[in-house]
Amino acid sequence: MNLFILSALIAFGAYVLKTRYQRQRIVLLGKQLGPFQIDKLMEDITQGYMRALGETHGARQEQILALLHASETKLCEQFKRFVAEFARLDAAHTRISRVPLGLPYADQWLPQTTFDFRKILQVHAQGIENATTTTQRSPKDRAFVLLAELLLMQHSCHWFCRSKSVASARMVLRHQTSYAQALDAVAPETRRTYLAAVRG
């Protein structure tokens, strides 16, 4: 068989496997998120933060941030419930591969390169709760930290559905923030426990 045709067939087969695998992940996560308003709350809070942090008048900035508190509390509560529901899934369906290029079914072929998405979600739930309830930061600093916590959590969800490289590229494209910047901006406790869970 012509080498070019063989290479094309292998590439096509790999693409089909990758697409099927990613679709399964997206459906699984979407089904778990379905009963909640997490995406909508994140969007409202993120837009509110951007508006508040763009304000030059301190009093107006604090007023906008105060108005977002109810949404922050609701997001925190819903995310904790989502994480509790997701924790009931079988570990065989919740592994994430550290292989950056998103090889299909790498979590099954190379289990030693994986970590448990359920543990990462628990880290994010704690980080979001801590950032939401803390009184040790100014409203502006608290908003920065909570925004970073949300971005890192979103990165983990995209990593679960696709790959780390795709998740990182999407973060830069949509939020002009790199993975390293988000990781650096979250609370130190989140960063410590997150890295411990990812590295295994």
N, C-alpha and C. Protein backbone atom coordinates (compact mmCIF):
# COMPACT_ATOMS: atom_id res chain seq x y z
N MET A 1 0.85 -1.19 0.00
CA MET A 1 0.00 0.00 0.00
C MET A 1 0.88 1.24 0.00
N ASN A 2 0.47 2.21 -0.71
CA ASN A 2 1.20 3.47 -0.78
C ASN A 2 1.36 4.06 0.61
N LEU A 3 2.58 4.49 0.93
CA LEU A 3 2.88 5.02 2.26
C LEU A 3 2.02 6.25 2.59
N PHE A 4 1.79 7.06 1.58
CA PHE A 4 0.97 8.26 1.79
C PHE A 4 -0.46 7.89 2.17
N ILE A 5 -1.02 6.90 1.47
CA ILE A 5 -2.39 6.46 1.76
C ILE A 5 -2.47 5.85 3.15
N LEU A 6 -1.45 5.04 3.51
CA LEU A 6 -1.42 4.42 4.83
C LEU A 6 -1.36 5.48 5.93
N SER A 7 -0.51 6.49 5.71
CA SER A 7 -0.39 7.57 6.69
C SER A 7 -1.69 8.34 6.83
N ALA A 8 -2.35 8.58 5.69
CA ALA A 8 -3.63 9.30 5.71
C ALA A 8 -4.69 8.50 6.46
N LEU A 9 -4.71 7.17 6.26
CA LEU A 9 -5.69 6.32 6.94
C LEU A 9 -5.45 6.30 8.45
N ILE A 10 -4.18 6.25 8.84
CA ILE A 10 -3.84 6.25 10.26
C ILE A 10 -4.25 7.59 10.90
N ALA A 11 -3.95 8.67 10.19
CA ALA A 11 -4.30 10.00 10.69
C ALA A 11 -5.81 10.15 10.83
N PHE A 12 -6.54 9.66 9.85
CA PHE A 12 -8.00 9.75 9.88
C PHE A 12 -8.57 8.91 11.03
N GLY A 13 -8.02 7.70 11.20
CA GLY A 13 -8.47 6.85 12.30
C GLY A 13 -8.22 7.49 13.65
N ALA A 14 -7.05 8.11 13.79
CA ALA A 14 -6.72 8.78 15.05
C ALA A 14 -7.67 9.95 15.30
N TYR A 15 -8.00 10.68 14.23
CA TYR A 15 -8.92 11.82 14.35
C TYR A 15 -10.31 11.34 14.79
N VAL A 16 -10.78 10.25 14.20
CA VAL A 16 -12.09 9.70 14.56
C VAL A 16 -12.11 9.28 16.03
N LEU A 17 -11.06 8.58 16.45
CA LEU A 17 -10.97 8.14 17.85
C LEU A 17 -10.95 9.34 18.80
N LYS A 18 -10.15 10.34 18.44
CA LYS A 18 -10.03 11.53 19.28
C LYS A 18 -11.36 12.26 19.39
N THR A 19 -12.05 12.42 18.26
CA THR A 19 -13.34 13.11 18.25
C THR A 19 -14.36 12.36 19.09
N ARG A 20 -14.41 11.05 18.96
CA ARG A 20 -15.35 10.23 19.72
C ARG A 20 -15.06 10.32 21.22
N TYR A 21 -13.80 10.23 21.56
CA TYR A 21 -13.38 10.29 22.96
C TYR A 21 -13.73 11.64 23.57
N GLN A 22 -13.43 12.72 22.86
CA GLN A 22 -13.72 14.05 23.39
C GLN A 22 -15.22 14.28 23.51
N ARG A 23 -15.99 13.77 22.57
CA ARG A 23 -17.44 13.92 22.63
C ARG A 23 -17.99 13.21 23.86
N GLN A 24 -17.45 12.03 24.17
CA GLN A 24 -17.89 11.31 25.37
C GLN A 24 -17.61 12.12 26.63
N ARG A 25 -16.44 12.74 26.68
CA ARG A 25 -16.07 13.56 27.83
C ARG A 25 -16.99 14.79 27.96
N ILE A 26 -17.23 15.44 26.85
CA ILE A 26 -18.07 16.64 26.84
C ILE A 26 -19.49 16.30 27.30
N VAL A 27 -20.02 15.18 26.80
CA VAL A 27 -21.37 14.75 27.17
C VAL A 27 -21.42 14.42 28.67
N LEU A 28 -20.41 13.72 29.17
CA LEU A 28 -20.37 13.35 30.58
C LEU A 28 -20.36 14.59 31.47
N LEU A 29 -19.48 15.54 31.17
CA LEU A 29 -19.40 16.75 31.99
C LEU A 29 -20.66 17.59 31.83
N GLY A 30 -21.16 17.70 30.60
CA GLY A 30 -22.37 18.47 30.37
C GLY A 30 -23.57 17.91 31.12
N LYS A 31 -23.66 16.60 31.18
CA LYS A 31 -24.76 15.96 31.89
C LYS A 31 -24.70 16.27 33.39
N GLN A 32 -23.50 16.28 33.93
CA GLN A 32 -23.34 16.58 35.36
C GLN A 32 -23.60 18.06 35.66
N LEU A 33 -23.26 18.93 34.71
CA LEU A 33 -23.45 20.37 34.91
C LEU A 33 -24.89 20.80 34.63
N GLY A 34 -25.63 19.96 33.89
CA GLY A 34 -26.96 20.32 33.42
C GLY A 34 -27.91 20.90 34.46
N PRO A 35 -28.01 20.31 35.66
CA PRO A 35 -28.98 20.81 36.64
C PRO A 35 -28.58 22.15 37.28
N PHE A 36 -27.39 22.64 36.99
CA PHE A 36 -26.89 23.83 37.66
C PHE A 36 -26.76 25.02 36.70
N GLN A 37 -26.58 26.21 37.28
CA GLN A 37 -26.42 27.44 36.51
C GLN A 37 -24.99 27.97 36.62
N ILE A 38 -24.05 27.06 36.74
CA ILE A 38 -22.66 27.45 37.00
C ILE A 38 -22.08 28.31 35.88
N ASP A 39 -22.29 27.91 34.64
CA ASP A 39 -21.76 28.69 33.51
C ASP A 39 -22.32 30.11 33.49
N LYS A 40 -23.63 30.23 33.69
CA LYS A 40 -24.28 31.55 33.67
C LYS A 40 -23.78 32.41 34.82
N LEU A 41 -23.66 31.84 36.00
CA LEU A 41 -23.17 32.59 37.15
C LEU A 41 -21.73 33.03 36.94
N MET A 42 -20.90 32.14 36.39
CA MET A 42 -19.51 32.50 36.11
C MET A 42 -19.43 33.66 35.12
N GLU A 43 -20.26 33.61 34.11
CA GLU A 43 -20.27 34.67 33.10
C GLU A 43 -20.68 36.01 33.72
N ASP A 44 -21.73 35.99 34.53
CA ASP A 44 -22.21 37.21 35.18
C ASP A 44 -21.14 37.79 36.11
N ILE A 45 -20.52 36.92 36.89
CA ILE A 45 -19.51 37.37 37.84
C ILE A 45 -18.28 37.91 37.11
N THR A 46 -17.83 37.19 36.10
CA THR A 46 -16.65 37.62 35.34
C THR A 46 -16.89 38.97 34.69
N GLN A 47 -18.03 39.15 34.05
CA GLN A 47 -18.35 40.43 33.42
C GLN A 47 -18.45 41.54 34.46
N GLY A 48 -19.04 41.22 35.60
CA GLY A 48 -19.14 42.20 36.68
C GLY A 48 -17.78 42.61 37.20
N TYR A 49 -16.89 41.64 37.36
CA TYR A 49 -15.53 41.95 37.81
C TYR A 49 -14.80 42.85 36.81
N MET A 50 -14.95 42.52 35.53
CA MET A 50 -14.28 43.32 34.50
C MET A 50 -14.77 44.77 34.54
N ARG A 51 -16.09 44.92 34.76
CA ARG A 51 -16.65 46.27 34.84
C ARG A 51 -16.15 46.98 36.10
N ALA A 52 -16.13 46.26 37.21
CA ALA A 52 -15.69 46.87 38.47
C ALA A 52 -14.22 47.22 38.44
N LEU A 53 -13.40 46.31 37.94
CA LEU A 53 -11.96 46.56 37.94
C LEU A 53 -11.56 47.63 36.92
N GLY A 54 -12.46 47.91 35.99
CA GLY A 54 -12.22 48.98 35.03
C GLY A 54 -12.61 50.35 35.55
N GLU A 55 -13.29 50.37 36.70
CA GLU A 55 -13.71 51.63 37.30
C GLU A 55 -12.52 52.34 37.96
N THR A 56 -12.44 53.63 37.73
CA THR A 56 -11.36 54.42 38.36
C THR A 56 -11.81 55.00 39.70
N HIS A 57 -13.11 55.08 39.90
CA HIS A 57 -13.64 55.62 41.15
C HIS A 57 -13.81 54.48 42.16
N GLY A 58 -13.09 54.55 43.26
CA GLY A 58 -13.06 53.47 44.25
C GLY A 58 -14.42 53.11 44.81
N ALA A 59 -15.23 54.12 45.12
CA ALA A 59 -16.54 53.86 45.71
C ALA A 59 -17.45 53.13 44.73
N ARG A 60 -17.40 53.53 43.47
CA ARG A 60 -18.21 52.87 42.45
C ARG A 60 -17.75 51.42 42.26
N GLN A 61 -16.45 51.21 42.30
CA GLN A 61 -15.89 49.86 42.15
C GLN A 61 -16.39 48.95 43.28
N GLU A 62 -16.33 49.44 44.49
CA GLU A 62 -16.77 48.64 45.63
C GLU A 62 -18.28 48.38 45.59
N GLN A 63 -19.03 49.34 45.07
CA GLN A 63 -20.48 49.16 44.94
C GLN A 63 -20.81 48.02 43.98
N ILE A 64 -20.11 47.98 42.85
CA ILE A 64 -20.35 46.92 41.86
C ILE A 64 -19.96 45.57 42.45
N LEU A 65 -18.81 45.52 43.12
CA LEU A 65 -18.35 44.26 43.71
C LEU A 65 -19.31 43.77 44.78
N ALA A 66 -19.89 44.69 45.56
CA ALA A 66 -20.84 44.31 46.61
C ALA A 66 -22.10 43.71 46.00
N LEU A 67 -22.53 44.24 44.85
CA LEU A 67 -23.73 43.73 44.18
C LEU A 67 -23.53 42.30 43.67
N LEU A 68 -22.28 41.90 43.46
CA LEU A 68 -21.99 40.57 42.94
C LEU A 68 -21.94 39.50 44.03
N HIS A 69 -22.01 39.93 45.27
CA HIS A 69 -21.82 38.97 46.37
C HIS A 69 -22.86 37.85 46.35
N ALA A 70 -24.10 38.18 46.06
CA ALA A 70 -25.15 37.15 46.04
C ALA A 70 -24.87 36.11 44.96
N SER A 71 -24.40 36.57 43.79
CA SER A 71 -24.06 35.64 42.70
C SER A 71 -22.87 34.77 43.08
N GLU A 72 -21.89 35.35 43.79
CA GLU A 72 -20.73 34.59 44.22
C GLU A 72 -21.15 33.48 45.18
N THR A 73 -22.01 33.82 46.13
CA THR A 73 -22.49 32.83 47.10
C THR A 73 -23.26 31.71 46.41
N LYS A 74 -24.11 32.09 45.47
CA LYS A 74 -24.90 31.10 44.74
C LYS A 74 -23.99 30.19 43.92
N LEU A 75 -22.99 30.77 43.27
CA LEU A 75 -22.03 29.97 42.49
C LEU A 75 -21.30 28.99 43.39
N CYS A 76 -20.84 29.47 44.52
CA CYS A 76 -20.11 28.62 45.47
C CYS A 76 -20.97 27.44 45.90
N GLU A 77 -22.23 27.69 46.24
CA GLU A 77 -23.13 26.63 46.69
C GLU A 77 -23.41 25.63 45.58
N GLN A 78 -23.67 26.14 44.37
CA GLN A 78 -23.98 25.24 43.26
C GLN A 78 -22.76 24.42 42.85
N PHE A 79 -21.59 25.04 42.89
CA PHE A 79 -20.39 24.30 42.50
C PHE A 79 -20.09 23.19 43.49
N LYS A 80 -20.29 23.43 44.77
CA LYS A 80 -20.09 22.39 45.77
C LYS A 80 -21.05 21.22 45.55
N ARG A 81 -22.28 21.51 45.18
CA ARG A 81 -23.25 20.44 44.90
C ARG A 81 -22.85 19.67 43.65
N PHE A 82 -22.40 20.38 42.63
CA PHE A 82 -21.94 19.73 41.41
C PHE A 82 -20.77 18.79 41.70
N VAL A 83 -19.81 19.25 42.49
CA VAL A 83 -18.64 18.44 42.82
C VAL A 83 -19.05 17.20 43.60
N ALA A 84 -20.00 17.33 44.50
CA ALA A 84 -20.49 16.18 45.27
C ALA A 84 -21.14 15.15 44.34
N GLU A 85 -21.90 15.62 43.36
CA GLU A 85 -22.53 14.71 42.40
C GLU A 85 -21.47 14.05 41.51
N PHE A 86 -20.51 14.83 41.05
CA PHE A 86 -19.47 14.29 40.18
C PHE A 86 -18.62 13.25 40.90
N ALA A 87 -18.44 13.43 42.20
CA ALA A 87 -17.63 12.50 43.00
C ALA A 87 -18.21 11.09 43.03
N ARG A 88 -19.50 10.96 42.68
CA ARG A 88 -20.14 9.65 42.67
C ARG A 88 -19.81 8.83 41.43
N LEU A 89 -19.23 9.46 40.42
CA LEU A 89 -18.90 8.75 39.20
C LEU A 89 -17.75 7.76 39.43
N ASP A 90 -17.71 6.74 38.60
CA ASP A 90 -16.65 5.74 38.66
C ASP A 90 -15.33 6.38 38.27
N ALA A 91 -14.27 6.05 39.01
CA ALA A 91 -12.94 6.60 38.74
C ALA A 91 -12.46 6.29 37.33
N ALA A 92 -12.95 5.22 36.74
CA ALA A 92 -12.54 4.86 35.39
C ALA A 92 -12.94 5.91 34.37
N HIS A 93 -13.93 6.74 34.70
CA HIS A 93 -14.43 7.75 33.77
C HIS A 93 -13.97 9.16 34.13
N THR A 94 -13.15 9.29 35.17
CA THR A 94 -12.80 10.63 35.63
C THR A 94 -11.29 10.91 35.61
N ARG A 95 -10.54 10.04 34.94
CA ARG A 95 -9.10 10.24 34.87
C ARG A 95 -8.74 11.25 33.78
N ILE A 96 -7.73 12.06 34.04
CA ILE A 96 -7.22 13.02 33.06
C ILE A 96 -5.76 12.67 32.77
N SER A 97 -5.42 12.67 31.49
CA SER A 97 -4.05 12.37 31.10
C SER A 97 -3.18 13.63 31.17
N ARG A 98 -1.96 13.45 31.66
CA ARG A 98 -1.01 14.56 31.66
C ARG A 98 -0.35 14.75 30.30
N VAL A 99 -0.54 13.80 29.38
CA VAL A 99 0.01 13.93 28.03
C VAL A 99 -0.60 15.17 27.40
N PRO A 100 0.18 16.18 27.04
CA PRO A 100 -0.38 17.48 26.65
C PRO A 100 -1.12 17.51 25.33
N LEU A 101 -0.88 16.56 24.43
CA LEU A 101 -1.46 16.64 23.10
C LEU A 101 -2.80 15.95 22.97
N GLY A 102 -3.33 15.42 24.02
CA GLY A 102 -4.66 14.85 23.99
C GLY A 102 -4.79 13.57 23.19
N LEU A 103 -3.95 12.59 23.47
CA LEU A 103 -4.07 11.31 22.79
C LEU A 103 -5.35 10.63 23.23
N PRO A 104 -6.17 10.14 22.29
CA PRO A 104 -7.43 9.51 22.67
C PRO A 104 -7.21 8.27 23.51
N TYR A 105 -7.95 8.18 24.61
CA TYR A 105 -7.92 7.04 25.52
C TYR A 105 -6.56 6.84 26.19
N ALA A 106 -5.76 7.90 26.26
CA ALA A 106 -4.46 7.80 26.93
C ALA A 106 -4.65 7.48 28.41
N ASP A 107 -5.80 7.89 28.99
CA ASP A 107 -6.06 7.59 30.40
C ASP A 107 -6.21 6.09 30.63
N GLN A 108 -6.54 5.33 29.57
CA GLN A 108 -6.66 3.88 29.68
C GLN A 108 -5.37 3.17 29.26
N TRP A 109 -4.72 3.68 28.23
CA TRP A 109 -3.48 3.06 27.75
C TRP A 109 -2.29 3.38 28.64
N LEU A 110 -2.28 4.59 29.19
CA LEU A 110 -1.15 5.04 30.02
C LEU A 110 -1.66 5.54 31.37
N PRO A 111 -2.23 4.66 32.18
CA PRO A 111 -2.84 5.11 33.45
C PRO A 111 -1.86 5.78 34.40
N GLN A 112 -0.57 5.46 34.26
CA GLN A 112 0.43 6.05 35.15
C GLN A 112 0.63 7.55 34.87
N THR A 113 0.10 8.02 33.74
CA THR A 113 0.25 9.44 33.40
C THR A 113 -1.01 10.23 33.74
N THR A 114 -1.89 9.66 34.55
CA THR A 114 -3.18 10.31 34.80
C THR A 114 -3.34 10.78 36.25
N PHE A 115 -4.34 11.62 36.44
CA PHE A 115 -4.77 12.02 37.78
C PHE A 115 -6.30 12.09 37.77
N ASP A 116 -6.89 12.17 38.95
CA ASP A 116 -8.34 12.08 39.09
C ASP A 116 -8.98 13.47 39.05
N PHE A 117 -9.83 13.70 38.06
CA PHE A 117 -10.53 14.97 37.91
C PHE A 117 -11.40 15.29 39.13
N ARG A 118 -11.92 14.26 39.79
CA ARG A 118 -12.76 14.49 40.97
C ARG A 118 -11.99 15.20 42.07
N LYS A 119 -10.72 14.83 42.24
CA LYS A 119 -9.90 15.49 43.27
C LYS A 119 -9.62 16.94 42.90
N ILE A 120 -9.39 17.19 41.61
CA ILE A 120 -9.14 18.56 41.16
C ILE A 120 -10.38 19.42 41.39
N LEU A 121 -11.55 18.87 41.11
CA LEU A 121 -12.79 19.62 41.34
C LEU A 121 -12.97 19.96 42.81
N GLN A 122 -12.57 19.06 43.69
CA GLN A 122 -12.66 19.34 45.13
C GLN A 122 -11.72 20.48 45.51
N VAL A 123 -10.54 20.50 44.90
CA VAL A 123 -9.60 21.61 45.13
C VAL A 123 -10.23 22.92 44.68
N HIS A 124 -10.84 22.92 43.50
CA HIS A 124 -11.46 24.13 42.98
C HIS A 124 -12.63 24.58 43.86
N ALA A 125 -13.44 23.63 44.33
CA ALA A 125 -14.57 23.98 45.19
C ALA A 125 -14.10 24.66 46.47
N GLN A 126 -13.03 24.13 47.05
CA GLN A 126 -12.49 24.74 48.27
C GLN A 126 -11.90 26.11 47.99
N GLY A 127 -11.19 26.23 46.85
CA GLY A 127 -10.59 27.51 46.49
C GLY A 127 -11.64 28.58 46.24
N ILE A 128 -12.72 28.21 45.55
CA ILE A 128 -13.80 29.17 45.28
C ILE A 128 -14.48 29.58 46.57
N GLU A 129 -14.73 28.60 47.45
CA GLU A 129 -15.37 28.93 48.73
C GLU A 129 -14.48 29.85 49.57
N ASN A 130 -13.20 29.54 49.65
CA ASN A 130 -12.29 30.38 50.44
C ASN A 130 -12.23 31.80 49.89
N ALA A 131 -12.15 31.91 48.57
CA ALA A 131 -12.06 33.24 47.95
C ALA A 131 -13.35 34.03 48.14
N THR A 132 -14.48 33.31 48.15
CA THR A 132 -15.78 33.97 48.29
C THR A 132 -16.01 34.46 49.71
N THR A 133 -15.56 33.71 50.70
CA THR A 133 -15.89 34.01 52.10
C THR A 133 -14.80 34.76 52.85
N THR A 134 -13.63 34.91 52.26
CA THR A 134 -12.53 35.54 52.99
C THR A 134 -12.81 37.00 53.33
N THR A 135 -12.35 37.42 54.49
CA THR A 135 -12.44 38.83 54.88
C THR A 135 -11.04 39.42 55.04
N GLN A 136 -10.02 38.66 54.62
CA GLN A 136 -8.64 39.08 54.81
C GLN A 136 -8.09 39.88 53.63
N ARG A 137 -8.89 40.03 52.58
CA ARG A 137 -8.44 40.79 51.41
C ARG A 137 -9.39 41.95 51.16
N SER A 138 -8.90 42.95 50.47
CA SER A 138 -9.76 44.04 50.04
C SER A 138 -10.73 43.50 49.00
N PRO A 139 -11.87 44.16 48.78
CA PRO A 139 -12.81 43.68 47.75
C PRO A 139 -12.15 43.52 46.38
N LYS A 140 -11.26 44.43 46.03
CA LYS A 140 -10.59 44.34 44.74
C LYS A 140 -9.67 43.13 44.68
N ASP A 141 -8.87 42.92 45.73
CA ASP A 141 -7.96 41.78 45.75
C ASP A 141 -8.73 40.46 45.78
N ARG A 142 -9.84 40.45 46.51
CA ARG A 142 -10.67 39.24 46.58
C ARG A 142 -11.23 38.91 45.20
N ALA A 143 -11.63 39.94 44.46
CA ALA A 143 -12.16 39.74 43.11
C ALA A 143 -11.09 39.16 42.19
N PHE A 144 -9.87 39.67 42.30
CA PHE A 144 -8.77 39.14 41.48
C PHE A 144 -8.53 37.66 41.76
N VAL A 145 -8.50 37.31 43.05
CA VAL A 145 -8.23 35.91 43.43
C VAL A 145 -9.37 35.00 42.98
N LEU A 146 -10.61 35.43 43.21
CA LEU A 146 -11.75 34.59 42.82
C LEU A 146 -11.81 34.43 41.30
N LEU A 147 -11.49 35.49 40.57
CA LEU A 147 -11.46 35.40 39.11
C LEU A 147 -10.42 34.37 38.67
N ALA A 148 -9.26 34.38 39.30
CA ALA A 148 -8.21 33.41 38.98
C ALA A 148 -8.66 31.99 39.31
N GLU A 149 -9.35 31.83 40.45
CA GLU A 149 -9.86 30.52 40.84
C GLU A 149 -10.85 30.00 39.78
N LEU A 150 -11.70 30.87 39.28
CA LEU A 150 -12.68 30.48 38.27
C LEU A 150 -12.01 30.13 36.95
N LEU A 151 -11.00 30.90 36.56
CA LEU A 151 -10.29 30.61 35.31
C LEU A 151 -9.55 29.28 35.39
N LEU A 152 -8.94 29.01 36.53
CA LEU A 152 -8.21 27.75 36.68
C LEU A 152 -9.18 26.57 36.68
N MET A 153 -10.34 26.75 37.30
CA MET A 153 -11.35 25.70 37.29
C MET A 153 -11.85 25.44 35.87
N GLN A 154 -12.07 26.50 35.13
CA GLN A 154 -12.51 26.36 33.74
C GLN A 154 -11.45 25.66 32.90
N HIS A 155 -10.18 25.97 33.16
CA HIS A 155 -9.07 25.30 32.48
C HIS A 155 -9.12 23.80 32.75
N SER A 156 -9.38 23.42 33.99
CA SER A 156 -9.44 21.99 34.35
C SER A 156 -10.57 21.29 33.60
N CYS A 157 -11.71 21.97 33.47
CA CYS A 157 -12.84 21.37 32.74
C CYS A 157 -12.51 21.16 31.27
N HIS A 158 -11.85 22.14 30.66
CA HIS A 158 -11.45 21.99 29.26
C HIS A 158 -10.36 20.92 29.12
N TRP A 159 -9.49 20.83 30.09
CA TRP A 159 -8.46 19.79 30.09
C TRP A 159 -9.12 18.41 30.14
N PHE A 160 -10.14 18.27 30.99
CA PHE A 160 -10.85 17.00 31.09
C PHE A 160 -11.50 16.62 29.76
N CYS A 161 -12.11 17.60 29.10
CA CYS A 161 -12.85 17.33 27.87
C CYS A 161 -11.93 17.17 26.66
N ARG A 162 -10.82 17.87 26.63
CA ARG A 162 -9.97 17.86 25.44
C ARG A 162 -8.52 17.52 25.78
N SER A 163 -7.74 18.52 26.16
CA SER A 163 -6.34 18.29 26.54
C SER A 163 -5.80 19.54 27.24
N LYS A 164 -4.68 19.39 27.90
CA LYS A 164 -4.09 20.54 28.58
C LYS A 164 -3.70 21.63 27.59
N SER A 165 -3.14 21.25 26.44
CA SER A 165 -2.70 22.24 25.46
C SER A 165 -3.89 23.03 24.91
N VAL A 166 -5.00 22.35 24.64
CA VAL A 166 -6.19 23.03 24.15
C VAL A 166 -6.77 23.94 25.23
N ALA A 167 -6.81 23.45 26.46
CA ALA A 167 -7.33 24.25 27.58
C ALA A 167 -6.51 25.51 27.77
N SER A 168 -5.19 25.39 27.69
CA SER A 168 -4.32 26.55 27.87
C SER A 168 -4.48 27.55 26.73
N ALA A 169 -4.60 27.03 25.50
CA ALA A 169 -4.78 27.91 24.34
C ALA A 169 -6.10 28.66 24.44
N ARG A 170 -7.16 27.99 24.87
CA ARG A 170 -8.46 28.64 25.01
C ARG A 170 -8.44 29.72 26.07
N MET A 171 -7.71 29.48 27.14
CA MET A 171 -7.62 30.49 28.20
C MET A 171 -6.95 31.76 27.68
N VAL A 172 -5.89 31.58 26.92
CA VAL A 172 -5.20 32.75 26.35
C VAL A 172 -6.10 33.46 25.36
N LEU A 173 -6.77 32.69 24.51
CA LEU A 173 -7.61 33.27 23.47
C LEU A 173 -8.82 34.01 24.06
N ARG A 174 -9.47 33.42 25.04
CA ARG A 174 -10.71 34.00 25.57
C ARG A 174 -10.48 35.01 26.69
N HIS A 175 -9.41 34.83 27.46
CA HIS A 175 -9.20 35.68 28.63
C HIS A 175 -7.87 36.41 28.66
N GLN A 176 -7.07 36.23 27.62
CA GLN A 176 -5.74 36.86 27.56
C GLN A 176 -4.93 36.56 28.81
N THR A 177 -5.07 35.33 29.30
CA THR A 177 -4.38 34.89 30.50
C THR A 177 -3.77 33.52 30.26
N SER A 178 -2.52 33.36 30.61
CA SER A 178 -1.87 32.07 30.43
C SER A 178 -2.18 31.17 31.63
N TYR A 179 -1.99 29.89 31.42
CA TYR A 179 -2.17 28.90 32.49
C TYR A 179 -1.28 29.26 33.67
N ALA A 180 -0.03 29.60 33.39
CA ALA A 180 0.91 29.94 34.47
C ALA A 180 0.45 31.18 35.24
N GLN A 181 -0.09 32.17 34.54
CA GLN A 181 -0.57 33.38 35.20
C GLN A 181 -1.76 33.08 36.12
N ALA A 182 -2.69 32.25 35.64
CA ALA A 182 -3.85 31.90 36.46
C ALA A 182 -3.40 31.12 37.70
N LEU A 183 -2.49 30.20 37.50
CA LEU A 183 -1.99 29.39 38.62
C LEU A 183 -1.28 30.27 39.64
N ASP A 184 -0.57 31.27 39.16
CA ASP A 184 0.16 32.17 40.05
C ASP A 184 -0.79 33.10 40.81
N ALA A 185 -1.97 33.37 40.25
CA ALA A 185 -2.89 34.35 40.84
C ALA A 185 -3.87 33.75 41.85
N VAL A 186 -4.04 32.42 41.83
CA VAL A 186 -4.96 31.81 42.81
C VAL A 186 -4.34 31.87 44.20
N ALA A 187 -5.14 31.55 45.20
CA ALA A 187 -4.64 31.54 46.57
C ALA A 187 -3.53 30.50 46.72
N PRO A 188 -2.54 30.77 47.57
CA PRO A 188 -1.42 29.82 47.75
C PRO A 188 -1.87 28.41 48.12
N GLU A 189 -2.91 28.28 48.94
CA GLU A 189 -3.40 26.95 49.33
C GLU A 189 -3.98 26.21 48.13
N THR A 190 -4.70 26.93 47.28
CA THR A 190 -5.23 26.31 46.06
C THR A 190 -4.10 25.82 45.18
N ARG A 191 -3.12 26.67 44.99
CA ARG A 191 -1.98 26.32 44.13
C ARG A 191 -1.26 25.09 44.66
N ARG A 192 -1.04 25.03 45.96
CA ARG A 192 -0.32 23.90 46.57
C ARG A 192 -1.09 22.59 46.39
N THR A 193 -2.38 22.60 46.74
CA THR A 193 -3.16 21.38 46.66
C THR A 193 -3.44 20.97 45.20
N TYR A 194 -3.61 21.97 44.35
CA TYR A 194 -3.83 21.69 42.92
C TYR A 194 -2.62 21.00 42.30
N LEU A 195 -1.44 21.55 42.54
CA LEU A 195 -0.22 20.97 41.96
C LEU A 195 0.04 19.58 42.53
N ALA A 196 -0.25 19.39 43.81
CA ALA A 196 -0.06 18.07 44.42
C ALA A 196 -0.99 17.05 43.76
N ALA A 197 -2.24 17.45 43.47
CA ALA A 197 -3.19 16.52 42.85
C ALA A 197 -2.84 16.24 41.40
N VAL A 198 -2.40 17.26 40.68
CA VAL A 198 -2.05 17.08 39.26
C VAL A 198 -0.80 16.24 39.10
N ARG A 199 0.18 16.48 39.95
CA ARG A 199 1.45 15.76 39.82
C ARG A 199 1.39 14.36 40.41
N GLY A 200 0.43 14.14 41.30
CA GLY A 200 0.26 12.80 41.86
C GLY A 200 1.25 12.46 42.94
